[in-house]
PDB file of all heavy atoms in Angstrom:
ATOM      1  N   GLY A   1    -131.301-307.736  40.977  1.00  0.00           N
ATOM      2  CA  GLY A   1    -131.324-308.900  41.846  1.00  0.00           C
ATOM      3  C   GLY A   1    -131.540-308.533  43.301  1.00  0.00           C
ATOM      4  O   GLY A   1    -132.240-309.224  44.041  1.00  0.00           O
ATOM      5  N   ALA A   2    -130.942-307.423  43.719  1.00  0.00           N
ATOM      6  CA  ALA A   2    -131.088-306.971  45.106  1.00  0.00           C
ATOM      7  C   ALA A   2    -132.184-305.922  45.250  1.00  0.00           C
ATOM      8  O   ALA A   2    -132.453-305.468  46.357  1.00  0.00           O
ATOM      9  CB  ALA A   2    -129.763-306.394  45.602  1.00  0.00           C
ATOM     10  N   ALA A   3    -132.783-305.540  44.117  1.00  0.00           N
ATOM     11  CA  ALA A   3    -133.826-304.508  44.119  1.00  0.00           C
ATOM     12  C   ALA A   3    -133.333-303.235  44.799  1.00  0.00           C
ATOM     13  O   ALA A   3    -134.044-302.621  45.599  1.00  0.00           O
ATOM     14  CB  ALA A   3    -135.096-305.023  44.786  1.00  0.00           C
ATOM     15  N   LYS A   4    -132.120-302.837  44.460  1.00  0.00           N
ATOM     16  CA  LYS A   4    -131.528-301.655  45.085  1.00  0.00           C
ATOM     17  C   LYS A   4    -130.771-300.829  44.050  1.00  0.00           C
ATOM     18  O   LYS A   4    -130.364-301.328  43.005  1.00  0.00           O
ATOM     19  CB  LYS A   4    -130.542-302.064  46.190  1.00  0.00           C
ATOM     20  CG  LYS A   4    -131.175-302.692  47.416  1.00  0.00           C
ATOM     21  CD  LYS A   4    -130.135-302.971  48.487  1.00  0.00           C
ATOM     22  CE  LYS A   4    -129.558-301.685  49.058  1.00  0.00           C
ATOM     23  NZ  LYS A   4    -128.647-301.960  50.194  1.00  0.00           N
ATOM     24  N   THR A   5    -130.591-299.561  44.388  1.00  0.00           N
ATOM     25  CA  THR A   5    -129.686-298.703  43.629  1.00  0.00           C
ATOM     26  C   THR A   5    -128.340-298.736  44.317  1.00  0.00           C
ATOM     27  O   THR A   5    -128.246-298.577  45.541  1.00  0.00           O
ATOM     28  CB  THR A   5    -130.220-297.266  43.570  1.00  0.00           C
ATOM     29  OG1 THR A   5    -131.492-297.266  42.917  1.00  0.00           O
ATOM     30  CG2 THR A   5    -129.269-296.368  42.799  1.00  0.00           C
ATOM     31  N   ARG A   6    -127.308-298.967  43.541  1.00  0.00           N
ATOM     32  CA  ARG A   6    -125.975-299.087  44.120  1.00  0.00           C
ATOM     33  C   ARG A   6    -124.993-298.195  43.366  1.00  0.00           C
ATOM     34  O   ARG A   6    -125.290-297.695  42.278  1.00  0.00           O
ATOM     35  CB  ARG A   6    -125.488-300.537  44.049  1.00  0.00           C
ATOM     36  CG  ARG A   6    -126.326-301.551  44.832  1.00  0.00           C
ATOM     37  CD  ARG A   6    -125.696-302.927  44.734  1.00  0.00           C
ATOM     38  NE  ARG A   6    -126.450-303.965  45.410  1.00  0.00           N
ATOM     39  CZ  ARG A   6    -126.375-304.261  46.696  1.00  0.00           C
ATOM     40  NH1 ARG A   6    -125.565-303.556  47.469  1.00  0.00           N
ATOM     41  NH2 ARG A   6    -127.086-305.234  47.224  1.00  0.00           N
ATOM     42  N   ASN A   7    -123.802-298.046  43.957  1.00  0.00           N
ATOM     43  CA  ASN A   7    -122.698-297.346  43.305  1.00  0.00           C
ATOM     44  C   ASN A   7    -121.553-298.310  43.069  1.00  0.00           C
ATOM     45  O   ASN A   7    -121.291-299.198  43.895  1.00  0.00           O
ATOM     46  CB  ASN A   7    -122.197-296.185  44.172  1.00  0.00           C
ATOM     47  CG  ASN A   7    -123.206-295.080  44.308  1.00  0.00           C
ATOM     48  OD1 ASN A   7    -123.810-294.663  43.329  1.00  0.00           O
ATOM     49  ND2 ASN A   7    -123.419-294.606  45.522  1.00  0.00           N
ATOM     50  N   LEU A   8    -120.874-298.133  41.944  1.00  0.00           N
ATOM     51  CA  LEU A   8    -119.688-298.937  41.642  1.00  0.00           C
ATOM     52  C   LEU A   8    -118.533-297.997  41.336  1.00  0.00           C
ATOM     53  O   LEU A   8    -118.687-297.047  40.560  1.00  0.00           O
ATOM     54  CB  LEU A   8    -119.946-299.867  40.463  1.00  0.00           C
ATOM     55  CG  LEU A   8    -118.793-300.806  40.098  1.00  0.00           C
ATOM     56  CD1 LEU A   8    -119.319-302.189  39.734  1.00  0.00           C
ATOM     57  CD2 LEU A   8    -117.963-300.251  38.933  1.00  0.00           C
ATOM     58  N   LEU A   9    -117.389-298.263  41.948  1.00  0.00           N
ATOM     59  CA  LEU A   9    -116.198-297.437  41.766  1.00  0.00           C
ATOM     60  C   LEU A   9    -115.258-298.103  40.782  1.00  0.00           C
ATOM     61  O   LEU A   9    -114.948-299.291  40.902  1.00  0.00           O
ATOM     62  CB  LEU A   9    -115.485-297.263  43.112  1.00  0.00           C
ATOM     63  CG  LEU A   9    -114.186-296.456  43.090  1.00  0.00           C
ATOM     64  CD1 LEU A   9    -114.476-294.976  42.901  1.00  0.00           C
ATOM     65  CD2 LEU A   9    -113.400-296.685  44.389  1.00  0.00           C
ATOM     66  N   ALA A  10    -114.797-297.339  39.788  1.00  0.00           N
ATOM     67  CA  ALA A  10    -113.809-297.839  38.825  1.00  0.00           C
ATOM     68  C   ALA A  10    -112.679-296.825  38.724  1.00  0.00           C
ATOM     69  O   ALA A  10    -112.925-295.619  38.650  1.00  0.00           O
ATOM     70  CB  ALA A  10    -114.445-298.048  37.459  1.00  0.00           C
ATOM     71  N   SER A  11    -111.448-297.308  38.760  1.00  0.00           N
ATOM     72  CA  SER A  11    -110.311-296.407  38.550  1.00  0.00           C
ATOM     73  C   SER A  11    -110.078-296.260  37.054  1.00  0.00           C
ATOM     74  O   SER A  11    -110.237-297.215  36.287  1.00  0.00           O
ATOM     75  CB  SER A  11    -109.058-296.932  39.250  1.00  0.00           C
ATOM     76  OG  SER A  11    -108.722-298.212  38.784  1.00  0.00           O
ATOM     77  N   ASP A  12    -109.706-295.060  36.636  1.00  0.00           N
ATOM     78  CA  ASP A  12    -109.609-294.721  35.215  1.00  0.00           C
ATOM     79  C   ASP A  12    -108.172-294.400  34.840  1.00  0.00           C
ATOM     80  O   ASP A  12    -107.600-293.415  35.324  1.00  0.00           O
ATOM     81  CB  ASP A  12    -110.493-293.503  34.903  1.00  0.00           C
ATOM     82  CG  ASP A  12    -111.965-293.752  35.190  1.00  0.00           C
ATOM     83  OD1 ASP A  12    -112.319-294.889  35.538  1.00  0.00           O
ATOM     84  OD2 ASP A  12    -112.755-292.791  35.083  1.00  0.00           O
ATOM     85  N   ASN A  13    -107.603-295.214  33.986  1.00  0.00           N
ATOM     86  CA  ASN A  13    -106.256-294.962  33.478  1.00  0.00           C
ATOM     87  C   ASN A  13    -106.358-293.988  32.305  1.00  0.00           C
ATOM     88  O   ASN A  13    -106.685-294.383  31.187  1.00  0.00           O
ATOM     89  CB  ASN A  13    -105.612-296.283  33.048  1.00  0.00           C
ATOM     90  CG  ASN A  13    -104.245-296.075  32.423  1.00  0.00           C
ATOM     91  OD1 ASN A  13    -103.703-294.966  32.407  1.00  0.00           O
ATOM     92  ND2 ASN A  13    -103.676-297.138  31.883  1.00  0.00           N
ATOM     93  N   LEU A  14    -106.050-292.734  32.587  1.00  0.00           N
ATOM     94  CA  LEU A  14    -106.194-291.711  31.555  1.00  0.00           C
ATOM     95  C   LEU A  14    -104.864-291.330  30.908  1.00  0.00           C
ATOM     96  O   LEU A  14    -104.734-290.242  30.341  1.00  0.00           O
ATOM     97  CB  LEU A  14    -106.872-290.464  32.147  1.00  0.00           C
ATOM     98  CG  LEU A  14    -108.282-290.689  32.716  1.00  0.00           C
ATOM     99  CD1 LEU A  14    -108.906-289.365  33.128  1.00  0.00           C
ATOM    100  CD2 LEU A  14    -109.169-291.413  31.714  1.00  0.00           C
ATOM    101  N   ALA A  15    -103.901-292.256  30.963  1.00  0.00           N
ATOM    102  CA  ALA A  15    -102.672-292.032  30.197  1.00  0.00           C
ATOM    103  C   ALA A  15    -103.026-291.974  28.714  1.00  0.00           C
ATOM    104  O   ALA A  15    -103.893-292.710  28.235  1.00  0.00           O
ATOM    105  CB  ALA A  15    -101.681-293.154  30.459  1.00  0.00           C
ATOM    106  N   ALA A  16    -102.382-291.081  27.999  1.00  0.00           N
ATOM    107  CA  ALA A  16    -102.705-290.877  26.585  1.00  0.00           C
ATOM    108  C   ALA A  16    -102.497-292.165  25.790  1.00  0.00           C
ATOM    109  O   ALA A  16    -101.568-292.942  26.058  1.00  0.00           O
ATOM    110  CB  ALA A  16    -101.845-289.762  26.010  1.00  0.00           C
ATOM    111  N   PRO A  17    -103.360-292.408  24.794  1.00  0.00           N
ATOM    112  CA  PRO A  17    -103.157-293.575  23.938  1.00  0.00           C
ATOM    113  C   PRO A  17    -101.933-293.390  23.050  1.00  0.00           C
ATOM    114  O   PRO A  17    -101.402-292.280  22.915  1.00  0.00           O
ATOM    115  CB  PRO A  17    -104.442-293.613  23.104  1.00  0.00           C
ATOM    116  CG  PRO A  17    -104.932-292.198  23.093  1.00  0.00           C
ATOM    117  CD  PRO A  17    -104.541-291.618  24.414  1.00  0.00           C
ATOM    118  N   THR A  18    -101.505-294.478  22.448  1.00  0.00           N
ATOM    119  CA  THR A  18    -100.458-294.383  21.429  1.00  0.00           C
ATOM    120  C   THR A  18    -100.905-293.386  20.359  1.00  0.00           C
ATOM    121  O   THR A  18    -102.070-293.360  19.969  1.00  0.00           O
ATOM    122  CB  THR A  18    -100.220-295.760  20.786  1.00  0.00           C
ATOM    123  OG1 THR A  18     -99.872-296.686  21.823  1.00  0.00           O
ATOM    124  CG2 THR A  18     -99.122-295.704  19.753  1.00  0.00           C
ATOM    125  N   THR A  19     -99.989-292.566  19.905  1.00  0.00           N
ATOM    126  CA  THR A  19    -100.338-291.536  18.925  1.00  0.00           C
ATOM    127  C   THR A  19    -101.066-292.153  17.731  1.00  0.00           C
ATOM    128  O   THR A  19    -100.620-293.136  17.142  1.00  0.00           O
ATOM    129  CB  THR A  19     -99.071-290.805  18.433  1.00  0.00           C
ATOM    130  OG1 THR A  19     -98.416-290.214  19.568  1.00  0.00           O
ATOM    131  CG2 THR A  19     -99.429-289.711  17.437  1.00  0.00           C
ATOM    132  N   GLY A  20    -102.209-291.555  17.394  1.00  0.00           N
ATOM    133  CA  GLY A  20    -102.993-292.039  16.275  1.00  0.00           C
ATOM    134  C   GLY A  20    -103.964-293.149  16.612  1.00  0.00           C
ATOM    135  O   GLY A  20    -104.698-293.618  15.747  1.00  0.00           O
ATOM    136  N   LYS A  21    -104.012-293.559  17.893  1.00  0.00           N
ATOM    137  CA  LYS A  21    -104.914-294.622  18.329  1.00  0.00           C
ATOM    138  C   LYS A  21    -106.036-294.050  19.209  1.00  0.00           C
ATOM    139  O   LYS A  21    -106.016-292.899  19.619  1.00  0.00           O
ATOM    140  CB  LYS A  21    -104.153-295.695  19.107  1.00  0.00           C
ATOM    141  CG  LYS A  21    -103.177-296.505  18.259  1.00  0.00           C
ATOM    142  CD  LYS A  21    -103.912-297.466  17.333  1.00  0.00           C
ATOM    143  CE  LYS A  21    -102.956-298.431  16.653  1.00  0.00           C
ATOM    144  NZ  LYS A  21    -103.669-299.412  15.794  1.00  0.00           N
ATOM    145  N   VAL A  22    -106.999-294.913  19.515  1.00  0.00           N
ATOM    146  CA  VAL A  22    -108.116-294.597  20.412  1.00  0.00           C
ATOM    147  C   VAL A  22    -108.032-295.537  21.610  1.00  0.00           C
ATOM    148  O   VAL A  22    -107.743-296.725  21.444  1.00  0.00           O
ATOM    149  CB  VAL A  22    -109.476-294.816  19.697  1.00  0.00           C
ATOM    150  CG1 VAL A  22    -110.636-294.682  20.675  1.00  0.00           C
ATOM    151  CG2 VAL A  22    -109.632-293.856  18.536  1.00  0.00           C
ATOM    152  N   LYS A  23    -108.265-295.013  22.819  1.00  0.00           N
ATOM    153  CA  LYS A  23    -108.427-295.871  23.994  1.00  0.00           C
ATOM    154  C   LYS A  23    -109.912-296.009  24.284  1.00  0.00           C
ATOM    155  O   LYS A  23    -110.638-295.015  24.349  1.00  0.00           O
ATOM    156  CB  LYS A  23    -107.707-295.284  25.208  1.00  0.00           C
ATOM    157  CG  LYS A  23    -106.232-295.639  25.271  1.00  0.00           C
ATOM    158  CD  LYS A  23    -105.536-295.011  26.459  1.00  0.00           C
ATOM    159  CE  LYS A  23    -105.992-295.561  27.772  1.00  0.00           C
ATOM    160  NZ  LYS A  23    -105.160-295.076  28.910  1.00  0.00           N
ATOM    161  N   LEU A  24    -110.357-297.264  24.468  1.00  0.00           N
ATOM    162  CA  LEU A  24    -111.780-297.541  24.649  1.00  0.00           C
ATOM    163  C   LEU A  24    -111.967-298.632  25.701  1.00  0.00           C
ATOM    164  O   LEU A  24    -111.208-299.597  25.753  1.00  0.00           O
ATOM    165  CB  LEU A  24    -112.392-298.017  23.324  1.00  0.00           C
ATOM    166  CG  LEU A  24    -113.854-298.475  23.356  1.00  0.00           C
ATOM    167  CD1 LEU A  24    -114.800-297.304  23.608  1.00  0.00           C
ATOM    168  CD2 LEU A  24    -114.222-299.185  22.052  1.00  0.00           C
ATOM    169  N   ARG A  25    -112.998-298.457  26.533  1.00  0.00           N
ATOM    170  CA  ARG A  25    -113.416-299.511  27.451  1.00  0.00           C
ATOM    171  C   ARG A  25    -114.939-299.561  27.459  1.00  0.00           C
ATOM    172  O   ARG A  25    -115.609-298.662  26.934  1.00  0.00           O
ATOM    173  CB  ARG A  25    -112.895-299.264  28.874  1.00  0.00           C
ATOM    174  CG  ARG A  25    -113.525-298.061  29.543  1.00  0.00           C
ATOM    175  CD  ARG A  25    -113.078-297.905  30.974  1.00  0.00           C
ATOM    176  NE  ARG A  25    -113.657-296.698  31.552  1.00  0.00           N
ATOM    177  CZ  ARG A  25    -113.472-296.301  32.803  1.00  0.00           C
ATOM    178  NH1 ARG A  25    -112.713-297.028  33.620  1.00  0.00           N
ATOM    179  NH2 ARG A  25    -114.035-295.194  33.252  1.00  0.00           N
ATOM    180  N   VAL A  26    -115.490-300.608  28.082  1.00  0.00           N
ATOM    181  CA  VAL A  26    -116.937-300.792  28.131  1.00  0.00           C
ATOM    182  C   VAL A  26    -117.370-301.036  29.571  1.00  0.00           C
ATOM    183  O   VAL A  26    -116.705-301.769  30.317  1.00  0.00           O
ATOM    184  CB  VAL A  26    -117.383-301.977  27.247  1.00  0.00           C
ATOM    185  CG1 VAL A  26    -118.894-302.196  27.362  1.00  0.00           C
ATOM    186  CG2 VAL A  26    -117.002-301.740  25.792  1.00  0.00           C
ATOM    187  N   ALA A  27    -118.469-300.414  29.957  1.00  0.00           N
ATOM    188  CA  ALA A  27    -119.092-300.645  31.259  1.00  0.00           C
ATOM    189  C   ALA A  27    -120.466-301.266  31.030  1.00  0.00           C
ATOM    190  O   ALA A  27    -121.263-300.740  30.254  1.00  0.00           O
ATOM    191  CB  ALA A  27    -119.219-299.332  32.020  1.00  0.00           C
ATOM    192  N   HIS A  28    -120.749-302.390  31.691  1.00  0.00           N
ATOM    193  CA  HIS A  28    -121.985-303.146  31.468  1.00  0.00           C
ATOM    194  C   HIS A  28    -122.955-302.912  32.631  1.00  0.00           C
ATOM    195  O   HIS A  28    -122.777-303.439  33.720  1.00  0.00           O
ATOM    196  CB  HIS A  28    -121.634-304.631  31.355  1.00  0.00           C
ATOM    197  CG  HIS A  28    -122.801-305.561  31.159  1.00  0.00           C
ATOM    198  ND1 HIS A  28    -124.130-305.164  31.183  1.00  0.00           N
ATOM    199  CD2 HIS A  28    -122.838-306.912  30.938  1.00  0.00           C
ATOM    200  CE1 HIS A  28    -124.921-306.204  30.999  1.00  0.00           C
ATOM    201  NE2 HIS A  28    -124.159-307.276  30.842  1.00  0.00           N
ATOM    202  N   PHE A  29    -123.984-302.097  32.360  1.00  0.00           N
ATOM    203  CA  PHE A  29    -124.994-301.812  33.377  1.00  0.00           C
ATOM    204  C   PHE A  29    -126.412-302.010  32.832  1.00  0.00           C
ATOM    205  O   PHE A  29    -127.337-301.295  33.210  1.00  0.00           O
ATOM    206  CB  PHE A  29    -124.823-300.389  33.914  1.00  0.00           C
ATOM    207  CG  PHE A  29    -123.575-300.218  34.730  1.00  0.00           C
ATOM    208  CD1 PHE A  29    -122.485-299.524  34.227  1.00  0.00           C
ATOM    209  CD2 PHE A  29    -123.477-300.777  35.993  1.00  0.00           C
ATOM    210  CE1 PHE A  29    -121.331-299.375  34.965  1.00  0.00           C
ATOM    211  CE2 PHE A  29    -122.311-300.639  36.747  1.00  0.00           C
ATOM    212  CZ  PHE A  29    -121.237-299.932  36.240  1.00  0.00           C
ATOM    213  N   ILE A  30    -126.572-302.986  31.932  1.00  0.00           N
ATOM    214  CA  ILE A  30    -127.927-303.340  31.478  1.00  0.00           C
ATOM    215  C   ILE A  30    -128.547-304.212  32.564  1.00  0.00           C
ATOM    216  O   ILE A  30    -128.157-305.349  32.785  1.00  0.00           O
ATOM    217  CB  ILE A  30    -127.888-304.068  30.128  1.00  0.00           C
ATOM    218  CG1 ILE A  30    -127.296-303.140  29.062  1.00  0.00           C
ATOM    219  CG2 ILE A  30    -129.290-304.512  29.722  1.00  0.00           C
ATOM    220  CD1 ILE A  30    -127.174-303.768  27.695  1.00  0.00           C
TER     221      ILE A  30
END
């Protein structure tokens, strides 16, 4: 939309998941 290259900052919660689980998130840059 702006015809530009930009940067986006995201903070990452890297606390361990519950034992036996997976932690997953999604970033939308299409």
